[in-house]
Amino acid sequence: MKIAIIAEYNDKLRPHVATNEAIAHSAKKLGLNVETEWLSAENIENVDELMHNFNGILIAPGSPHNETVMNIIKFARTNKIPTLGTCGGFQNIVVEYARNVLNIEDASHSGYNPESSDLVVTPLTCSLAGQTHEVQITDKNSLTYKLVQRDSIMEKYYCSFGLNSSYVNAFEESGFKPVGRDESEIRIMELENHPFYLITLFVPQDTSSFEEPHPIVSEFLRVASL
């Protein structure tokens, strides 16, 4: 099976190294032969043709914020390809959904287009970059809760932006549901009626180990292998 990882790989960036490690941890546990390919959005010309070659798509920390990435995310969502988005991947997936499902044409990320009238991704109340925090699983019927089997988890962050709270209801009412949060903001979301479409503002890859692969990464690979 093949997994596309959307970002230009940087071996000095811990979330990128952790992504390779976490996939190896989960693949070994599941007995899967997983081939990964890091894809720089700058080098992709035909999104539909290329993405058909992959069983799953991981929108990684540090993924570029541009139209090519938006098209990759849209392709994964509409073609029901198992998709995991973490950190910057969470942010990019939120913008794509706002534009193409919620029909917010000017939906933007304040870190890239601060003058937009519809900033769906805005600075967090407090930057989480470099920190480990508790995440409360708020929906006991969610996939995340079924995977972790706990009311809360401790996770590592590398970001300073997240979903603008003004748009939470619109996402939830359309089926893209918040299922995890801390004391102030949304940290995990899941899309209904999709084999696997889950986004986290934290980086689950960075708490994975061979002894205990992260269950979110493992489930992503398991569904992608079907």
N, C-alpha and C. Protein backbone atom coordinates (compact mmCIF):
# COMPACT_ATOMS: atom_id res chain seq x y z
N MET A 1 0.84 -1.19 0.00
CA MET A 1 0.00 0.00 0.00
C MET A 1 0.88 1.24 0.00
N LYS A 2 0.33 2.33 -0.53
CA LYS A 2 1.10 3.56 -0.67
C LYS A 2 0.37 4.71 0.05
N ILE A 3 1.15 5.48 0.80
CA ILE A 3 0.63 6.64 1.50
C ILE A 3 1.33 7.89 0.98
N ALA A 4 0.56 8.87 0.56
CA ALA A 4 1.12 10.17 0.17
C ALA A 4 1.18 11.06 1.40
N ILE A 5 2.33 11.67 1.63
CA ILE A 5 2.49 12.62 2.72
C ILE A 5 2.73 13.99 2.09
N ILE A 6 1.81 14.91 2.34
CA ILE A 6 1.85 16.20 1.65
C ILE A 6 2.64 17.20 2.48
N ALA A 7 3.85 17.44 2.06
CA ALA A 7 4.78 18.42 2.62
C ALA A 7 6.15 18.11 2.02
N GLU A 8 6.99 19.10 1.99
CA GLU A 8 8.37 18.86 1.55
C GLU A 8 9.17 18.38 2.76
N TYR A 9 9.68 17.17 2.69
CA TYR A 9 10.31 16.56 3.86
C TYR A 9 11.53 17.35 4.31
N ASN A 10 11.60 17.55 5.63
CA ASN A 10 12.71 18.26 6.25
C ASN A 10 13.20 17.43 7.43
N ASP A 11 14.38 16.85 7.31
CA ASP A 11 14.86 15.97 8.37
C ASP A 11 15.29 16.73 9.62
N LYS A 12 15.23 18.06 9.57
CA LYS A 12 15.50 18.86 10.77
C LYS A 12 14.21 19.20 11.52
N LEU A 13 13.07 18.86 10.94
CA LEU A 13 11.78 19.18 11.53
C LEU A 13 11.25 17.94 12.27
N ARG A 14 11.17 18.02 13.58
CA ARG A 14 10.79 16.87 14.37
C ARG A 14 9.45 16.24 13.94
N PRO A 15 8.39 17.02 13.66
CA PRO A 15 7.14 16.38 13.24
C PRO A 15 7.28 15.56 11.95
N HIS A 16 8.20 15.94 11.07
CA HIS A 16 8.41 15.15 9.85
C HIS A 16 9.11 13.83 10.17
N VAL A 17 10.16 13.90 10.97
CA VAL A 17 10.85 12.68 11.38
C VAL A 17 9.88 11.76 12.14
N ALA A 18 9.08 12.36 13.03
CA ALA A 18 8.12 11.58 13.81
C ALA A 18 7.07 10.93 12.93
N THR A 19 6.70 11.57 11.83
CA THR A 19 5.71 11.00 10.92
C THR A 19 6.23 9.70 10.31
N ASN A 20 7.47 9.72 9.83
CA ASN A 20 8.06 8.49 9.29
C ASN A 20 8.13 7.41 10.36
N GLU A 21 8.54 7.80 11.56
CA GLU A 21 8.66 6.84 12.65
C GLU A 21 7.32 6.23 13.02
N ALA A 22 6.30 7.08 13.14
CA ALA A 22 4.98 6.60 13.56
C ALA A 22 4.38 5.64 12.55
N ILE A 23 4.55 5.93 11.27
CA ILE A 23 4.05 5.03 10.24
C ILE A 23 4.76 3.69 10.33
N ALA A 24 6.06 3.71 10.59
CA ALA A 24 6.81 2.45 10.75
C ALA A 24 6.32 1.68 11.98
N HIS A 25 6.06 2.39 13.07
CA HIS A 25 5.55 1.73 14.28
C HIS A 25 4.23 1.00 13.99
N SER A 26 3.29 1.74 13.39
CA SER A 26 1.96 1.18 13.16
C SER A 26 1.99 0.10 12.10
N ALA A 27 2.79 0.29 11.06
CA ALA A 27 2.87 -0.72 10.00
C ALA A 27 3.38 -2.04 10.55
N LYS A 28 4.38 -1.96 11.43
CA LYS A 28 4.91 -3.20 12.02
C LYS A 28 3.84 -3.89 12.86
N LYS A 29 3.14 -3.14 13.68
CA LYS A 29 2.11 -3.73 14.53
C LYS A 29 1.01 -4.38 13.71
N LEU A 30 0.64 -3.75 12.60
CA LEU A 30 -0.45 -4.24 11.77
C LEU A 30 0.00 -5.29 10.76
N GLY A 31 1.31 -5.46 10.60
CA GLY A 31 1.82 -6.40 9.61
C GLY A 31 1.62 -5.92 8.19
N LEU A 32 1.74 -4.61 7.99
CA LEU A 32 1.53 -4.02 6.68
C LEU A 32 2.85 -3.61 6.04
N ASN A 33 2.93 -3.77 4.74
CA ASN A 33 4.06 -3.25 3.98
C ASN A 33 3.64 -1.89 3.42
N VAL A 34 4.11 -0.82 4.04
CA VAL A 34 3.66 0.53 3.70
C VAL A 34 4.78 1.30 3.01
N GLU A 35 4.49 1.77 1.83
CA GLU A 35 5.41 2.66 1.11
C GLU A 35 4.91 4.09 1.25
N THR A 36 5.79 4.99 1.65
CA THR A 36 5.40 6.39 1.79
C THR A 36 6.12 7.24 0.75
N GLU A 37 5.46 8.31 0.34
CA GLU A 37 6.08 9.27 -0.57
C GLU A 37 5.73 10.68 -0.12
N TRP A 38 6.76 11.42 0.23
CA TRP A 38 6.58 12.83 0.59
C TRP A 38 6.47 13.63 -0.70
N LEU A 39 5.42 14.41 -0.81
CA LEU A 39 5.15 15.15 -2.04
C LEU A 39 5.15 16.65 -1.78
N SER A 40 6.02 17.35 -2.46
CA SER A 40 6.00 18.81 -2.40
C SER A 40 4.94 19.31 -3.36
N ALA A 41 4.03 20.12 -2.88
CA ALA A 41 2.93 20.61 -3.72
C ALA A 41 3.45 21.41 -4.91
N GLU A 42 4.67 21.90 -4.81
CA GLU A 42 5.23 22.69 -5.91
C GLU A 42 5.46 21.83 -7.16
N ASN A 43 5.59 20.52 -6.97
CA ASN A 43 5.96 19.65 -8.08
C ASN A 43 4.79 18.85 -8.64
N ILE A 44 3.57 19.16 -8.22
CA ILE A 44 2.40 18.38 -8.65
C ILE A 44 1.64 19.15 -9.73
N GLU A 45 1.47 18.52 -10.88
CA GLU A 45 0.76 19.18 -11.98
C GLU A 45 -0.67 18.67 -12.11
N ASN A 46 -0.86 17.36 -12.08
CA ASN A 46 -2.20 16.79 -12.24
C ASN A 46 -2.57 16.06 -10.95
N VAL A 47 -3.33 16.75 -10.08
CA VAL A 47 -3.66 16.19 -8.77
C VAL A 47 -4.45 14.89 -8.89
N ASP A 48 -5.50 14.89 -9.70
CA ASP A 48 -6.36 13.71 -9.80
C ASP A 48 -5.58 12.49 -10.26
N GLU A 49 -4.78 12.65 -11.29
CA GLU A 49 -4.02 11.53 -11.84
C GLU A 49 -3.03 10.97 -10.81
N LEU A 50 -2.34 11.86 -10.10
CA LEU A 50 -1.34 11.42 -9.14
C LEU A 50 -1.97 10.78 -7.91
N MET A 51 -3.00 11.39 -7.36
CA MET A 51 -3.57 10.92 -6.10
C MET A 51 -4.26 9.57 -6.22
N HIS A 52 -4.66 9.19 -7.44
CA HIS A 52 -5.26 7.87 -7.64
C HIS A 52 -4.28 6.74 -7.35
N ASN A 53 -2.99 7.06 -7.24
CA ASN A 53 -1.98 6.04 -7.00
C ASN A 53 -1.81 5.69 -5.52
N PHE A 54 -2.55 6.40 -4.65
CA PHE A 54 -2.32 6.24 -3.22
C PHE A 54 -3.55 5.68 -2.51
N ASN A 55 -3.28 4.88 -1.47
CA ASN A 55 -4.35 4.31 -0.64
C ASN A 55 -4.78 5.23 0.48
N GLY A 56 -3.92 6.15 0.86
CA GLY A 56 -4.22 7.10 1.92
C GLY A 56 -3.40 8.36 1.76
N ILE A 57 -3.90 9.44 2.34
CA ILE A 57 -3.23 10.74 2.21
C ILE A 57 -3.09 11.35 3.60
N LEU A 58 -1.86 11.73 3.94
CA LEU A 58 -1.58 12.39 5.20
C LEU A 58 -1.17 13.83 4.92
N ILE A 59 -1.99 14.78 5.37
CA ILE A 59 -1.67 16.19 5.21
C ILE A 59 -0.84 16.56 6.43
N ALA A 60 0.45 16.74 6.22
CA ALA A 60 1.41 16.74 7.32
C ALA A 60 1.62 18.12 7.92
N PRO A 61 2.22 18.16 9.11
CA PRO A 61 2.72 19.43 9.63
C PRO A 61 3.66 20.06 8.61
N GLY A 62 3.52 21.36 8.42
CA GLY A 62 4.36 22.03 7.44
C GLY A 62 3.89 21.90 6.01
N SER A 63 2.69 21.35 5.81
CA SER A 63 2.17 21.29 4.44
C SER A 63 1.93 22.70 3.94
N PRO A 64 2.26 22.99 2.68
CA PRO A 64 2.09 24.35 2.16
C PRO A 64 0.62 24.76 2.16
N HIS A 65 0.38 26.05 2.22
CA HIS A 65 -0.98 26.57 2.14
C HIS A 65 -1.15 27.19 0.76
N ASN A 66 -1.57 26.37 -0.21
CA ASN A 66 -1.74 26.88 -1.57
C ASN A 66 -2.85 26.09 -2.27
N GLU A 67 -3.15 26.48 -3.48
CA GLU A 67 -4.28 25.87 -4.19
C GLU A 67 -4.05 24.41 -4.52
N THR A 68 -2.81 24.02 -4.78
CA THR A 68 -2.54 22.62 -5.06
C THR A 68 -2.90 21.75 -3.86
N VAL A 69 -2.50 22.19 -2.68
CA VAL A 69 -2.84 21.43 -1.47
C VAL A 69 -4.35 21.42 -1.26
N MET A 70 -5.02 22.55 -1.52
CA MET A 70 -6.48 22.57 -1.40
C MET A 70 -7.11 21.55 -2.34
N ASN A 71 -6.57 21.43 -3.55
CA ASN A 71 -7.11 20.47 -4.52
C ASN A 71 -6.85 19.03 -4.10
N ILE A 72 -5.69 18.78 -3.50
CA ILE A 72 -5.40 17.43 -2.99
C ILE A 72 -6.39 17.07 -1.88
N ILE A 73 -6.62 18.00 -0.98
CA ILE A 73 -7.54 17.75 0.13
C ILE A 73 -8.96 17.52 -0.39
N LYS A 74 -9.37 18.33 -1.34
CA LYS A 74 -10.71 18.15 -1.93
C LYS A 74 -10.83 16.79 -2.60
N PHE A 75 -9.78 16.40 -3.32
CA PHE A 75 -9.79 15.09 -3.98
C PHE A 75 -9.95 13.97 -2.96
N ALA A 76 -9.19 14.04 -1.87
CA ALA A 76 -9.26 13.00 -0.83
C ALA A 76 -10.64 12.97 -0.19
N ARG A 77 -11.19 14.13 0.07
CA ARG A 77 -12.51 14.19 0.72
C ARG A 77 -13.61 13.66 -0.19
N THR A 78 -13.64 14.12 -1.41
CA THR A 78 -14.74 13.75 -2.31
C THR A 78 -14.62 12.34 -2.86
N ASN A 79 -13.40 11.82 -2.93
CA ASN A 79 -13.20 10.45 -3.42
C ASN A 79 -13.08 9.44 -2.28
N LYS A 80 -13.32 9.93 -1.06
CA LYS A 80 -13.36 9.07 0.13
C LYS A 80 -12.07 8.26 0.31
N ILE A 81 -10.94 8.93 0.09
CA ILE A 81 -9.65 8.33 0.37
C ILE A 81 -9.31 8.57 1.84
N PRO A 82 -8.94 7.55 2.59
CA PRO A 82 -8.58 7.76 3.99
C PRO A 82 -7.58 8.89 4.15
N THR A 83 -7.90 9.83 5.04
CA THR A 83 -7.12 11.06 5.17
C THR A 83 -6.90 11.39 6.64
N LEU A 84 -5.65 11.67 6.97
CA LEU A 84 -5.28 12.15 8.29
C LEU A 84 -4.59 13.49 8.14
N GLY A 85 -5.04 14.49 8.90
CA GLY A 85 -4.40 15.80 8.88
C GLY A 85 -3.96 16.18 10.27
N THR A 86 -2.71 16.56 10.42
CA THR A 86 -2.22 16.93 11.74
C THR A 86 -1.51 18.28 11.68
N CYS A 87 -1.66 19.07 12.75
CA CYS A 87 -1.00 20.37 12.88
C CYS A 87 -1.38 21.27 11.68
N GLY A 88 -0.43 21.64 10.83
CA GLY A 88 -0.76 22.44 9.66
C GLY A 88 -1.75 21.75 8.73
N GLY A 89 -1.75 20.41 8.74
CA GLY A 89 -2.73 19.67 7.96
C GLY A 89 -4.14 19.91 8.44
N PHE A 90 -4.33 19.98 9.76
CA PHE A 90 -5.63 20.36 10.33
C PHE A 90 -6.08 21.69 9.76
N GLN A 91 -5.19 22.66 9.78
CA GLN A 91 -5.53 24.02 9.35
C GLN A 91 -5.89 24.07 7.87
N ASN A 92 -5.12 23.40 7.03
CA ASN A 92 -5.42 23.39 5.60
C ASN A 92 -6.73 22.68 5.30
N ILE A 93 -7.00 21.60 6.00
CA ILE A 93 -8.24 20.86 5.76
C ILE A 93 -9.45 21.70 6.17
N VAL A 94 -9.34 22.44 7.25
CA VAL A 94 -10.42 23.33 7.69
C VAL A 94 -10.72 24.38 6.62
N VAL A 95 -9.69 24.96 6.04
CA VAL A 95 -9.90 25.99 5.01
C VAL A 95 -10.57 25.39 3.78
N GLU A 96 -10.09 24.24 3.32
CA GLU A 96 -10.70 23.61 2.14
C GLU A 96 -12.17 23.32 2.37
N TYR A 97 -12.50 22.79 3.52
CA TYR A 97 -13.89 22.44 3.82
C TYR A 97 -14.76 23.69 3.87
N ALA A 98 -14.25 24.73 4.48
CA ALA A 98 -15.03 25.97 4.57
C ALA A 98 -15.33 26.52 3.18
N ARG A 99 -14.36 26.46 2.30
CA ARG A 99 -14.55 27.00 0.95
C ARG A 99 -15.50 26.15 0.11
N ASN A 100 -15.30 24.83 0.14
CA ASN A 100 -15.98 23.97 -0.82
C ASN A 100 -17.21 23.24 -0.30
N VAL A 101 -17.40 23.20 1.01
CA VAL A 101 -18.60 22.59 1.58
C VAL A 101 -19.49 23.64 2.22
N LEU A 102 -18.90 24.51 3.01
CA LEU A 102 -19.68 25.55 3.67
C LEU A 102 -19.91 26.76 2.76
N ASN A 103 -19.26 26.75 1.58
CA ASN A 103 -19.42 27.80 0.58
C ASN A 103 -19.03 29.18 1.10
N ILE A 104 -17.99 29.20 1.91
CA ILE A 104 -17.40 30.47 2.36
C ILE A 104 -16.26 30.78 1.40
N GLU A 105 -16.55 31.50 0.34
CA GLU A 105 -15.62 31.67 -0.77
C GLU A 105 -14.29 32.28 -0.34
N ASP A 106 -14.33 33.19 0.62
CA ASP A 106 -13.12 33.89 1.02
C ASP A 106 -12.49 33.26 2.27
N ALA A 107 -12.89 32.03 2.60
CA ALA A 107 -12.34 31.36 3.78
C ALA A 107 -10.82 31.31 3.69
N SER A 108 -10.17 31.75 4.76
CA SER A 108 -8.72 31.89 4.71
C SER A 108 -8.08 31.61 6.06
N HIS A 109 -6.76 31.57 6.03
CA HIS A 109 -5.90 31.35 7.20
C HIS A 109 -5.27 32.69 7.53
N SER A 110 -5.42 33.13 8.77
CA SER A 110 -4.94 34.47 9.12
C SER A 110 -3.43 34.59 9.04
N GLY A 111 -2.73 33.46 9.08
CA GLY A 111 -1.29 33.51 8.95
C GLY A 111 -0.83 33.79 7.55
N TYR A 112 -1.72 33.58 6.55
CA TYR A 112 -1.36 33.78 5.15
C TYR A 112 -2.14 34.91 4.50
N ASN A 113 -3.36 35.13 4.96
CA ASN A 113 -4.21 36.16 4.34
C ASN A 113 -4.98 36.89 5.44
N PRO A 114 -4.28 37.68 6.24
CA PRO A 114 -4.92 38.30 7.40
C PRO A 114 -5.99 39.33 7.05
N GLU A 115 -6.03 39.76 5.80
CA GLU A 115 -7.02 40.77 5.39
C GLU A 115 -8.34 40.14 4.94
N SER A 116 -8.42 38.83 4.91
CA SER A 116 -9.64 38.16 4.47
C SER A 116 -10.81 38.50 5.38
N SER A 117 -11.99 38.54 4.79
CA SER A 117 -13.20 38.82 5.58
C SER A 117 -13.70 37.59 6.31
N ASP A 118 -13.19 36.39 5.94
CA ASP A 118 -13.65 35.14 6.55
C ASP A 118 -12.45 34.31 6.99
N LEU A 119 -11.92 34.64 8.14
CA LEU A 119 -10.75 33.93 8.67
C LEU A 119 -11.22 32.74 9.49
N VAL A 120 -11.19 31.57 8.88
CA VAL A 120 -11.65 30.37 9.59
C VAL A 120 -10.52 29.76 10.42
N VAL A 121 -9.29 30.12 10.12
CA VAL A 121 -8.14 29.70 10.93
C VAL A 121 -7.49 30.95 11.49
N THR A 122 -7.42 31.03 12.81
CA THR A 122 -6.93 32.23 13.49
C THR A 122 -5.96 31.83 14.60
N PRO A 123 -5.21 32.79 15.14
CA PRO A 123 -4.27 32.45 16.22
C PRO A 123 -4.98 31.85 17.42
N LEU A 124 -4.35 30.86 18.02
CA LEU A 124 -4.89 30.27 19.23
C LEU A 124 -4.85 31.27 20.38
N THR A 125 -5.70 31.06 21.36
CA THR A 125 -5.69 31.91 22.53
C THR A 125 -4.30 31.98 23.13
N CYS A 126 -3.61 30.84 23.11
CA CYS A 126 -2.24 30.78 23.59
C CYS A 126 -1.49 29.81 22.67
N SER A 127 -0.35 30.22 22.14
CA SER A 127 0.43 29.35 21.27
C SER A 127 0.79 28.05 21.98
N LEU A 128 0.67 26.94 21.25
CA LEU A 128 0.97 25.62 21.82
C LEU A 128 2.28 25.06 21.31
N ALA A 129 2.98 25.82 20.50
CA ALA A 129 4.20 25.32 19.88
C ALA A 129 5.20 24.83 20.93
N GLY A 130 5.62 23.58 20.77
CA GLY A 130 6.61 23.01 21.67
C GLY A 130 6.07 22.54 23.00
N GLN A 131 4.75 22.44 23.14
CA GLN A 131 4.16 22.07 24.42
C GLN A 131 3.41 20.74 24.33
N THR A 132 3.22 20.13 25.48
CA THR A 132 2.39 18.92 25.61
C THR A 132 1.20 19.27 26.49
N HIS A 133 -0.01 18.96 26.00
CA HIS A 133 -1.22 19.32 26.73
C HIS A 133 -2.22 18.17 26.74
N GLU A 134 -3.12 18.24 27.68
CA GLU A 134 -4.21 17.27 27.77
C GLU A 134 -5.32 17.64 26.79
N VAL A 135 -5.84 16.64 26.10
CA VAL A 135 -6.97 16.81 25.20
C VAL A 135 -8.13 15.98 25.73
N GLN A 136 -9.26 16.62 25.94
CA GLN A 136 -10.46 15.92 26.40
C GLN A 136 -11.23 15.38 25.19
N ILE A 137 -11.57 14.10 25.23
CA ILE A 137 -12.39 13.51 24.17
C ILE A 137 -13.85 13.76 24.55
N THR A 138 -14.50 14.65 23.83
CA THR A 138 -15.82 15.14 24.23
C THR A 138 -16.97 14.32 23.67
N ASP A 139 -16.73 13.51 22.66
CA ASP A 139 -17.80 12.72 22.04
C ASP A 139 -17.49 11.24 22.25
N LYS A 140 -18.24 10.61 23.13
CA LYS A 140 -17.99 9.21 23.45
C LYS A 140 -18.40 8.27 22.31
N ASN A 141 -19.12 8.78 21.33
CA ASN A 141 -19.50 7.97 20.17
C ASN A 141 -18.53 8.16 19.00
N SER A 142 -17.50 8.93 19.21
CA SER A 142 -16.57 9.24 18.13
C SER A 142 -15.61 8.09 17.86
N LEU A 143 -15.04 8.10 16.67
CA LEU A 143 -13.99 7.14 16.34
C LEU A 143 -12.80 7.32 17.27
N THR A 144 -12.45 8.57 17.54
CA THR A 144 -11.29 8.83 18.40
C THR A 144 -11.46 8.17 19.76
N TYR A 145 -12.65 8.29 20.34
CA TYR A 145 -12.86 7.67 21.66
C TYR A 145 -12.76 6.15 21.56
N LYS A 146 -13.29 5.58 20.50
CA LYS A 146 -13.21 4.13 20.33
C LYS A 146 -11.76 3.67 20.21
N LEU A 147 -10.92 4.53 19.62
CA LEU A 147 -9.52 4.17 19.42
C LEU A 147 -8.70 4.30 20.70
N VAL A 148 -8.89 5.40 21.42
CA VAL A 148 -8.04 5.65 22.59
C VAL A 148 -8.61 5.07 23.88
N GLN A 149 -9.96 4.88 23.90
CA GLN A 149 -10.63 4.28 25.07
C GLN A 149 -10.32 5.03 26.37
N ARG A 150 -10.22 6.35 26.26
CA ARG A 150 -9.98 7.18 27.44
C ARG A 150 -10.71 8.50 27.28
N ASP A 151 -10.97 9.15 28.39
CA ASP A 151 -11.63 10.45 28.35
C ASP A 151 -10.67 11.58 27.96
N SER A 152 -9.38 11.33 28.13
CA SER A 152 -8.40 12.36 27.79
C SER A 152 -7.09 11.71 27.38
N ILE A 153 -6.30 12.46 26.60
CA ILE A 153 -4.98 11.99 26.15
C ILE A 153 -4.00 13.16 26.25
N MET A 154 -2.73 12.85 26.40
CA MET A 154 -1.69 13.87 26.42
C MET A 154 -0.98 13.87 25.07
N GLU A 155 -0.92 15.03 24.45
CA GLU A 155 -0.38 15.11 23.10
C GLU A 155 0.55 16.31 22.93
N LYS A 156 1.43 16.21 21.91
CA LYS A 156 2.41 17.26 21.64
C LYS A 156 1.94 18.17 20.50
N TYR A 157 2.26 19.45 20.65
CA TYR A 157 1.84 20.47 19.69
C TYR A 157 3.05 21.21 19.11
N TYR A 158 2.83 21.72 17.89
CA TYR A 158 3.86 22.52 17.23
C TYR A 158 3.25 23.75 16.56
N CYS A 159 2.05 24.14 16.95
CA CYS A 159 1.33 25.16 16.17
C CYS A 159 0.85 26.32 17.02
N SER A 160 0.44 27.37 16.31
CA SER A 160 -0.08 28.58 16.95
C SER A 160 -1.42 29.00 16.40
N PHE A 161 -1.99 28.20 15.46
CA PHE A 161 -3.26 28.54 14.82
C PHE A 161 -4.24 27.39 14.93
N GLY A 162 -5.54 27.72 14.91
CA GLY A 162 -6.56 26.68 14.96
C GLY A 162 -7.88 27.20 14.40
N LEU A 163 -8.92 26.40 14.54
CA LEU A 163 -10.24 26.75 14.01
C LEU A 163 -10.83 27.93 14.78
N ASN A 164 -11.24 28.93 14.05
CA ASN A 164 -11.93 30.09 14.62
C ASN A 164 -13.24 29.62 15.26
N SER A 165 -13.40 29.89 16.54
CA SER A 165 -14.57 29.40 17.27
C SER A 165 -15.89 29.88 16.69
N SER A 166 -15.86 30.97 15.94
CA SER A 166 -17.10 31.50 15.35
C SER A 166 -17.68 30.55 14.30
N TYR A 167 -16.87 29.62 13.81
CA TYR A 167 -17.31 28.73 12.73
C TYR A 167 -17.58 27.31 13.21
N VAL A 168 -17.40 27.04 14.48
CA VAL A 168 -17.54 25.68 14.98
C VAL A 168 -18.92 25.12 14.69
N ASN A 169 -19.97 25.88 14.94
CA ASN A 169 -21.34 25.38 14.72
C ASN A 169 -21.59 25.04 13.27
N ALA A 170 -21.08 25.86 12.36
CA ALA A 170 -21.29 25.60 10.93
C ALA A 170 -20.62 24.30 10.53
N PHE A 171 -19.43 24.04 11.02
CA PHE A 171 -18.75 22.77 10.72
C PHE A 171 -19.54 21.60 11.29
N GLU A 172 -19.93 21.72 12.55
CA GLU A 172 -20.62 20.62 13.21
C GLU A 172 -21.94 20.30 12.53
N GLU A 173 -22.70 21.32 12.18
CA GLU A 173 -24.01 21.11 11.57
C GLU A 173 -23.91 20.46 10.20
N SER A 174 -22.77 20.63 9.54
CA SER A 174 -22.59 20.05 8.21
C SER A 174 -22.00 18.64 8.26
N GLY A 175 -21.64 18.17 9.47
CA GLY A 175 -21.14 16.81 9.60
C GLY A 175 -19.66 16.68 9.85
N PHE A 176 -18.95 17.81 9.96
CA PHE A 176 -17.53 17.77 10.31
C PHE A 176 -17.46 18.13 11.80
N LYS A 177 -17.43 17.10 12.64
CA LYS A 177 -17.73 17.29 14.06
C LYS A 177 -16.49 17.41 14.94
N PRO A 178 -16.48 18.41 15.82
CA PRO A 178 -15.45 18.48 16.86
C PRO A 178 -15.68 17.35 17.85
N VAL A 179 -14.63 16.59 18.14
CA VAL A 179 -14.78 15.47 19.08
C VAL A 179 -13.76 15.53 20.21
N GLY A 180 -12.85 16.51 20.16
CA GLY A 180 -11.85 16.66 21.21
C GLY A 180 -11.44 18.10 21.36
N ARG A 181 -11.19 18.52 22.59
CA ARG A 181 -10.82 19.90 22.84
C ARG A 181 -10.05 20.01 24.15
N ASP A 182 -9.43 21.16 24.37
CA ASP A 182 -8.88 21.44 25.69
C ASP A 182 -9.82 22.42 26.37
N GLU A 183 -9.33 23.14 27.36
CA GLU A 183 -10.22 24.01 28.12
C GLU A 183 -10.76 25.17 27.30
N SER A 184 -10.18 25.44 26.12
CA SER A 184 -10.61 26.63 25.39
C SER A 184 -10.99 26.39 23.93
N GLU A 185 -10.35 25.43 23.25
CA GLU A 185 -10.53 25.35 21.80
C GLU A 185 -10.55 23.91 21.28
N ILE A 186 -11.01 23.78 20.02
CA ILE A 186 -11.14 22.49 19.36
C ILE A 186 -9.77 21.93 19.01
N ARG A 187 -9.61 20.62 19.25
CA ARG A 187 -8.33 19.97 18.96
C ARG A 187 -8.45 18.77 18.02
N ILE A 188 -9.64 18.16 17.94
CA ILE A 188 -9.84 16.99 17.07
C ILE A 188 -11.19 17.13 16.36
N MET A 189 -11.22 16.79 15.06
CA MET A 189 -12.47 16.79 14.31
C MET A 189 -12.53 15.55 13.43
N GLU A 190 -13.76 15.07 13.20
CA GLU A 190 -13.99 13.91 12.36
C GLU A 190 -15.13 14.20 11.38
N LEU A 191 -14.95 13.77 10.15
CA LEU A 191 -15.98 13.96 9.13
C LEU A 191 -16.86 12.73 9.04
N GLU A 192 -18.17 12.95 9.11
CA GLU A 192 -19.12 11.85 8.97
C GLU A 192 -19.14 11.31 7.54
N ASN A 193 -19.60 10.06 7.40
CA ASN A 193 -19.83 9.45 6.09
C ASN A 193 -18.58 9.43 5.22
N HIS A 194 -17.47 9.13 5.85
CA HIS A 194 -16.19 9.00 5.14
C HIS A 194 -15.45 7.84 5.80
N PRO A 195 -14.75 7.00 5.03
CA PRO A 195 -14.07 5.86 5.64
C PRO A 195 -13.12 6.25 6.78
N PHE A 196 -12.36 7.31 6.56
CA PHE A 196 -11.48 7.84 7.60
C PHE A 196 -11.08 9.25 7.18
N TYR A 197 -11.55 10.23 7.93
CA TYR A 197 -11.22 11.62 7.66
C TYR A 197 -11.16 12.31 9.01
N LEU A 198 -9.96 12.36 9.57
CA LEU A 198 -9.77 12.79 10.94
C LEU A 198 -8.63 13.79 10.99
N ILE A 199 -8.83 14.89 11.74
CA ILE A 199 -7.79 15.91 11.84
C ILE A 199 -7.52 16.25 13.31
N THR A 200 -6.25 16.47 13.60
CA THR A 200 -5.84 16.83 14.95
C THR A 200 -4.94 18.05 14.89
N LEU A 201 -5.13 18.96 15.83
CA LEU A 201 -4.24 20.12 15.88
C LEU A 201 -2.89 19.73 16.49
N PHE A 202 -2.88 18.68 17.28
CA PHE A 202 -1.62 18.16 17.80
C PHE A 202 -1.00 17.20 16.78
N VAL A 203 0.15 16.66 17.13
CA VAL A 203 0.87 15.75 16.24
C VAL A 203 0.93 14.37 16.90
N PRO A 204 -0.05 13.50 16.64
CA PRO A 204 -0.06 12.19 17.28
C PRO A 204 1.17 11.36 16.93
N GLN A 205 1.76 11.64 15.77
CA GLN A 205 2.96 10.92 15.35
C GLN A 205 4.06 11.01 16.41
N ASP A 206 4.09 12.13 17.14
CA ASP A 206 5.22 12.37 18.04
C ASP A 206 5.07 11.72 19.40
N THR A 207 3.96 11.05 19.65
CA THR A 207 3.83 10.28 20.90
C THR A 207 3.76 8.78 20.60
N SER A 208 4.07 8.42 19.37
CA SER A 208 4.06 7.01 18.97
C SER A 208 5.41 6.36 19.31
N SER A 209 5.37 5.05 19.50
CA SER A 209 6.59 4.27 19.70
C SER A 209 6.35 2.86 19.17
N PHE A 210 7.42 2.09 18.99
CA PHE A 210 7.24 0.70 18.55
C PHE A 210 6.45 -0.09 19.57
N GLU A 211 6.66 0.22 20.86
CA GLU A 211 5.94 -0.49 21.91
C GLU A 211 4.47 -0.09 21.94
N GLU A 212 4.19 1.19 21.69
CA GLU A 212 2.82 1.70 21.69
C GLU A 212 2.60 2.63 20.50
N PRO A 213 2.34 2.07 19.33
CA PRO A 213 2.01 2.91 18.18
C PRO A 213 0.78 3.76 18.48
N HIS A 214 0.74 4.95 17.93
CA HIS A 214 -0.43 5.79 18.22
C HIS A 214 -1.66 5.19 17.54
N PRO A 215 -2.76 5.02 18.28
CA PRO A 215 -3.95 4.38 17.70
C PRO A 215 -4.56 5.13 16.53
N ILE A 216 -4.43 6.46 16.51
CA ILE A 216 -4.99 7.21 15.38
C ILE A 216 -4.21 6.90 14.11
N VAL A 217 -2.89 6.86 14.20
CA VAL A 217 -2.07 6.54 13.03
C VAL A 217 -2.33 5.10 12.59
N SER A 218 -2.43 4.20 13.55
CA SER A 218 -2.68 2.79 13.22
C SER A 218 -4.02 2.61 12.50
N GLU A 219 -5.05 3.30 12.98
CA GLU A 219 -6.36 3.16 12.34
C GLU A 219 -6.35 3.77 10.94
N PHE A 220 -5.66 4.86 10.77
CA PHE A 220 -5.51 5.46 9.44
C PHE A 220 -4.91 4.44 8.47
N LEU A 221 -3.83 3.79 8.86
CA LEU A 221 -3.20 2.81 7.98
C LEU A 221 -4.09 1.58 7.78
N ARG A 222 -4.76 1.14 8.84
CA ARG A 222 -5.62 -0.03 8.72
C ARG A 222 -6.72 0.20 7.70
N VAL A 223 -7.39 1.35 7.79
CA VAL A 223 -8.47 1.65 6.85
C VAL A 223 -7.92 1.84 5.44
N ALA A 224 -6.77 2.47 5.33
CA ALA A 224 -6.17 2.68 4.01
C ALA A 224 -5.81 1.36 3.34
N SER A 225 -5.55 0.34 4.14
CA SER A 225 -5.13 -0.96 3.58
C SER A 225 -6.30 -1.79 3.07
N LEU A 226 -7.54 -1.38 3.38
CA LEU A 226 -8.70 -2.20 3.02
C LEU A 226 -9.00 -2.15 1.53
